[in-house]
Amino acid sequence: MKKRDCFKKYGTKARKVLESLLDKYADEGITNIESIDILKVKPLTDFGSPMEIIKKFGSKAKYLETIKELEYELYNTGA
């Protein structure tokens, strides 16, 4: 998915968060990235507090929408 750059519409900081979430998905599975609590663990904490991370996406609703889009892309690409 990283090579396909499905999230080029997001800013650099938001893309880095998404890349970290993809790494977490690869290590731990999809259920962990669905939880806002994932933003409280390394390496996501390197991007700031959960609220600071969410602001990179504009709002909590947009962050959650992005996570759903990420899940959709993961399942549709067989990643």
C-alpha atoms as a PDB file:
ATOM      1  CA  MET A   1       0.000   0.000   0.000  1.00  0.00           C
ATOM      2  CA  LYS A   2       2.816   2.409   0.731  1.00  0.00           C
ATOM      3  CA  LYS A   3       4.104   1.996  -2.814  1.00  0.00           C
ATOM      4  CA  ARG A   4       0.654   2.738  -4.259  1.00  0.00           C
ATOM      5  CA  ASP A   5       0.560   6.003  -2.291  1.00  0.00           C
ATOM      6  CA  CYS A   6      -3.185   5.759  -1.724  1.00  0.00           C
ATOM      7  CA  PHE A   7      -3.020   8.626   0.726  1.00  0.00           C
ATOM      8  CA  LYS A   8      -1.206  11.248  -1.334  1.00  0.00           C
ATOM      9  CA  LYS A   9      -4.135  13.609  -0.740  1.00  0.00           C
ATOM     10  CA  TYR A  10      -3.050  13.948   2.896  1.00  0.00           C
ATOM     11  CA  GLY A  11      -0.294  16.216   4.108  1.00  0.00           C
ATOM     12  CA  THR A  12       3.173  14.920   4.881  1.00  0.00           C
ATOM     13  CA  LYS A  13       2.573  14.628   8.629  1.00  0.00           C
ATOM     14  CA  ALA A  14      -0.739  12.816   8.198  1.00  0.00           C
ATOM     15  CA  ARG A  15       0.871  10.408   5.694  1.00  0.00           C
ATOM     16  CA  LYS A  16       3.607   9.595   8.198  1.00  0.00           C
ATOM     17  CA  VAL A  17       0.918   8.762  10.771  1.00  0.00           C
ATOM     18  CA  LEU A  18      -0.796   6.521   8.206  1.00  0.00           C
ATOM     19  CA  GLU A  19       2.502   4.785   7.419  1.00  0.00           C
ATOM     20  CA  SER A  20       3.009   4.101  11.131  1.00  0.00           C
ATOM     21  CA  LEU A  21      -0.539   2.751  11.364  1.00  0.00           C
ATOM     22  CA  LEU A  22       0.191   0.453   8.415  1.00  0.00           C
ATOM     23  CA  ASP A  23       3.283  -0.820  10.218  1.00  0.00           C
ATOM     24  CA  LYS A  24       1.165  -1.442  13.325  1.00  0.00           C
ATOM     25  CA  TYR A  25      -1.393  -3.273  11.183  1.00  0.00           C
ATOM     26  CA  ALA A  26       1.357  -5.480   9.761  1.00  0.00           C
ATOM     27  CA  ASP A  27       2.553  -6.295  13.282  1.00  0.00           C
ATOM     28  CA  GLU A  28      -0.714  -6.516  15.214  1.00  0.00           C
ATOM     29  CA  GLY A  29      -3.724  -6.694  12.891  1.00  0.00           C
ATOM     30  CA  ILE A  30      -6.547  -4.342  11.999  1.00  0.00           C
ATOM     31  CA  THR A  31      -8.378  -4.220  15.334  1.00  0.00           C
ATOM     32  CA  ASN A  32      -5.686  -2.145  16.996  1.00  0.00           C
ATOM     33  CA  ILE A  33      -5.698   0.634  14.414  1.00  0.00           C
ATOM     34  CA  GLU A  34      -9.468   1.042  14.759  1.00  0.00           C
ATOM     35  CA  SER A  35      -9.032   2.228  18.333  1.00  0.00           C
ATOM     36  CA  ILE A  36      -8.081   5.817  19.155  1.00  0.00           C
ATOM     37  CA  ASP A  37      -5.945   4.278  21.916  1.00  0.00           C
ATOM     38  CA  ILE A  38      -3.431   3.243  19.242  1.00  0.00           C
ATOM     39  CA  LEU A  39      -2.413   6.903  19.166  1.00  0.00           C
ATOM     40  CA  LYS A  40      -1.124   6.555  22.743  1.00  0.00           C
ATOM     41  CA  VAL A  41       1.644   4.043  21.927  1.00  0.00           C
ATOM     42  CA  LYS A  42       4.995   4.151  20.166  1.00  0.00           C
ATOM     43  CA  PRO A  43       5.736   5.045  17.436  1.00  0.00           C
ATOM     44  CA  LEU A  44       2.519   7.074  17.117  1.00  0.00           C
ATOM     45  CA  THR A  45       3.367   9.112  20.220  1.00  0.00           C
ATOM     46  CA  ASP A  46       6.326  10.485  18.265  1.00  0.00           C
ATOM     47  CA  PHE A  47       3.783  12.532  16.293  1.00  0.00           C
ATOM     48  CA  GLY A  48       2.307  14.159  19.401  1.00  0.00           C
ATOM     49  CA  SER A  49      -0.676  13.601  21.655  1.00  0.00           C
ATOM     50  CA  PRO A  50      -3.771  11.846  20.280  1.00  0.00           C
ATOM     51  CA  MET A  51      -5.469  15.240  19.815  1.00  0.00           C
ATOM     52  CA  GLU A  52      -2.444  16.661  17.993  1.00  0.00           C
ATOM     53  CA  ILE A  53      -2.419  13.648  15.683  1.00  0.00           C
ATOM     54  CA  ILE A  54      -6.153  13.893  15.016  1.00  0.00           C
ATOM     55  CA  LYS A  55      -5.753  17.592  14.146  1.00  0.00           C
ATOM     56  CA  LYS A  56      -3.378  16.571  11.343  1.00  0.00           C
ATOM     57  CA  PHE A  57      -6.470  15.100   9.680  1.00  0.00           C
ATOM     58  CA  GLY A  58      -8.682  18.103  10.427  1.00  0.00           C
ATOM     59  CA  SER A  59     -11.053  16.568  12.971  1.00  0.00           C
ATOM     60  CA  LYS A  60     -11.834  13.360  14.824  1.00  0.00           C
ATOM     61  CA  ALA A  61     -14.528  12.544  12.259  1.00  0.00           C
ATOM     62  CA  LYS A  62     -12.070  12.974   9.387  1.00  0.00           C
ATOM     63  CA  TYR A  63      -9.462  10.886  11.207  1.00  0.00           C
ATOM     64  CA  LEU A  64     -11.982   8.069  11.707  1.00  0.00           C
ATOM     65  CA  GLU A  65     -13.069   8.369   8.074  1.00  0.00           C
ATOM     66  CA  THR A  66      -9.435   8.055   7.025  1.00  0.00           C
ATOM     67  CA  ILE A  67      -9.037   4.910   9.140  1.00  0.00           C
ATOM     68  CA  LYS A  68     -12.096   3.410   7.428  1.00  0.00           C
ATOM     69  CA  GLU A  69     -10.562   4.309   4.060  1.00  0.00           C
ATOM     70  CA  LEU A  70      -7.299   2.686   5.141  1.00  0.00           C
ATOM     71  CA  GLU A  71      -9.154  -0.492   6.101  1.00  0.00           C
ATOM     72  CA  TYR A  72     -11.023  -0.474   2.786  1.00  0.00           C
ATOM     73  CA  GLU A  73      -7.763  -0.152   0.847  1.00  0.00           C
ATOM     74  CA  LEU A  74      -6.123  -2.903   2.908  1.00  0.00           C
ATOM     75  CA  TYR A  75      -8.930  -5.351   2.261  1.00  0.00           C
ATOM     76  CA  ASN A  76      -9.240  -4.465  -1.426  1.00  0.00           C
ATOM     77  CA  THR A  77      -5.550  -4.834  -2.157  1.00  0.00           C
ATOM     78  CA  GLY A  78      -5.051  -8.024  -0.195  1.00  0.00           C
ATOM     79  CA  ALA A  79      -2.255  -6.352   1.774  1.00  0.00           C
END
